[in-house]
Amino acid sequence: MSIEQTGMDTAAPAFDRRMLEALVCPRTQAVLEYDAAAQELISRAANLAFPIRNGIPVMLEDEARILE
């Protein structure tokens, strides 16, 4: 049975860009940049990239990737 037949969509929910107005880096309180290709929120001030999972930003330092 295909996705079309079941009516189920497996695509992840999209990140709502309006959230950028309210979110800041948890370490530095600096503004964040949205990287749509990587599905991450970037904090240049902290040199961290926070993942977005199922359309929801994970703003935990333990989950963040260190930028090179």
C-alpha atoms as a PDB file:
ATOM      1  CA  MET A   1       0.000   0.000   0.000  1.00  0.00           C
ATOM      2  CA  SER A   2       1.475   3.377  -1.000  1.00  0.00           C
ATOM      3  CA  ILE A   3       1.452   6.655   0.911  1.00  0.00           C
ATOM      4  CA  GLU A   4      -1.130   8.001  -1.531  1.00  0.00           C
ATOM      5  CA  GLN A   5      -3.407   5.042  -0.789  1.00  0.00           C
ATOM      6  CA  THR A   6      -3.142   5.393   2.989  1.00  0.00           C
ATOM      7  CA  GLY A   7      -3.425   9.176   2.989  1.00  0.00           C
ATOM      8  CA  MET A   8      -0.371   9.384   5.245  1.00  0.00           C
ATOM      9  CA  ASP A   9       2.373  11.908   4.593  1.00  0.00           C
ATOM     10  CA  THR A  10       5.870  11.082   5.852  1.00  0.00           C
ATOM     11  CA  ALA A  11       7.319  14.557   5.255  1.00  0.00           C
ATOM     12  CA  ALA A  12       8.504  16.302   8.412  1.00  0.00           C
ATOM     13  CA  PRO A  13       6.585  19.414   9.477  1.00  0.00           C
ATOM     14  CA  ALA A  14       8.159  22.628   8.253  1.00  0.00           C
ATOM     15  CA  PHE A  15       9.878  25.046  10.624  1.00  0.00           C
ATOM     16  CA  ASP A  16       7.831  28.220  11.116  1.00  0.00           C
ATOM     17  CA  ARG A  17      10.241  31.068  10.345  1.00  0.00           C
ATOM     18  CA  ARG A  18       8.197  33.408  12.551  1.00  0.00           C
ATOM     19  CA  MET A  19       9.687  31.573  15.538  1.00  0.00           C
ATOM     20  CA  LEU A  20      13.011  33.307  14.807  1.00  0.00           C
ATOM     21  CA  GLU A  21      11.493  36.518  16.165  1.00  0.00           C
ATOM     22  CA  ALA A  22      11.085  34.914  19.600  1.00  0.00           C
ATOM     23  CA  LEU A  23      14.028  32.507  19.801  1.00  0.00           C
ATOM     24  CA  VAL A  24      17.553  33.417  20.873  1.00  0.00           C
ATOM     25  CA  CYS A  25      20.688  31.420  21.558  1.00  0.00           C
ATOM     26  CA  PRO A  26      20.409  29.860  25.034  1.00  0.00           C
ATOM     27  CA  ARG A  27      24.112  30.504  25.702  1.00  0.00           C
ATOM     28  CA  THR A  28      24.548  34.082  24.451  1.00  0.00           C
ATOM     29  CA  GLN A  29      20.986  35.375  23.918  1.00  0.00           C
ATOM     30  CA  ALA A  30      22.122  36.385  20.399  1.00  0.00           C
ATOM     31  CA  VAL A  31      19.858  36.243  17.343  1.00  0.00           C
ATOM     32  CA  LEU A  32      19.757  33.022  15.342  1.00  0.00           C
ATOM     33  CA  GLU A  33      19.984  32.283  11.620  1.00  0.00           C
ATOM     34  CA  TYR A  34      17.879  29.614   9.922  1.00  0.00           C
ATOM     35  CA  ASP A  35      19.714  27.104   7.711  1.00  0.00           C
ATOM     36  CA  ALA A  36      16.902  25.433   5.747  1.00  0.00           C
ATOM     37  CA  ALA A  37      19.186  22.965   3.960  1.00  0.00           C
ATOM     38  CA  ALA A  38      20.661  21.612   7.206  1.00  0.00           C
ATOM     39  CA  GLN A  39      17.469  22.129   9.263  1.00  0.00           C
ATOM     40  CA  GLU A  40      19.399  23.984  11.955  1.00  0.00           C
ATOM     41  CA  LEU A  41      19.307  27.280  13.798  1.00  0.00           C
ATOM     42  CA  ILE A  42      22.749  28.855  13.800  1.00  0.00           C
ATOM     43  CA  SER A  43      24.226  30.938  16.603  1.00  0.00           C
ATOM     44  CA  ARG A  44      27.308  32.679  15.215  1.00  0.00           C
ATOM     45  CA  ALA A  45      27.989  34.224  18.644  1.00  0.00           C
ATOM     46  CA  ALA A  46      28.215  30.810  20.345  1.00  0.00           C
ATOM     47  CA  ASN A  47      29.531  28.964  17.274  1.00  0.00           C
ATOM     48  CA  LEU A  48      26.711  26.412  17.625  1.00  0.00           C
ATOM     49  CA  ALA A  49      24.075  24.897  15.333  1.00  0.00           C
ATOM     50  CA  PHE A  50      20.853  23.751  16.998  1.00  0.00           C
ATOM     51  CA  PRO A  51      18.938  20.984  15.203  1.00  0.00           C
ATOM     52  CA  ILE A  52      15.338  21.275  14.072  1.00  0.00           C
ATOM     53  CA  ARG A  53      13.469  17.981  14.443  1.00  0.00           C
ATOM     54  CA  ASN A  54       9.954  17.528  13.070  1.00  0.00           C
ATOM     55  CA  GLY A  55       9.678  21.307  12.708  1.00  0.00           C
ATOM     56  CA  ILE A  56      10.640  21.930  16.350  1.00  0.00           C
ATOM     57  CA  PRO A  57      13.955  23.589  17.280  1.00  0.00           C
ATOM     58  CA  VAL A  58      15.927  21.682  19.916  1.00  0.00           C
ATOM     59  CA  MET A  59      17.507  24.527  21.887  1.00  0.00           C
ATOM     60  CA  LEU A  60      19.675  22.402  24.175  1.00  0.00           C
ATOM     61  CA  GLU A  61      23.426  22.976  24.188  1.00  0.00           C
ATOM     62  CA  ASP A  62      23.990  19.229  24.606  1.00  0.00           C
ATOM     63  CA  GLU A  63      22.156  18.633  21.309  1.00  0.00           C
ATOM     64  CA  ALA A  64      23.911  21.440  19.404  1.00  0.00           C
ATOM     65  CA  ARG A  65      26.646  20.893  16.850  1.00  0.00           C
ATOM     66  CA  ILE A  66      29.842  22.952  17.177  1.00  0.00           C
ATOM     67  CA  LEU A  67      30.511  24.996  14.040  1.00  0.00           C
ATOM     68  CA  GLU A  68      33.931  24.763  12.449  1.00  0.00           C
END
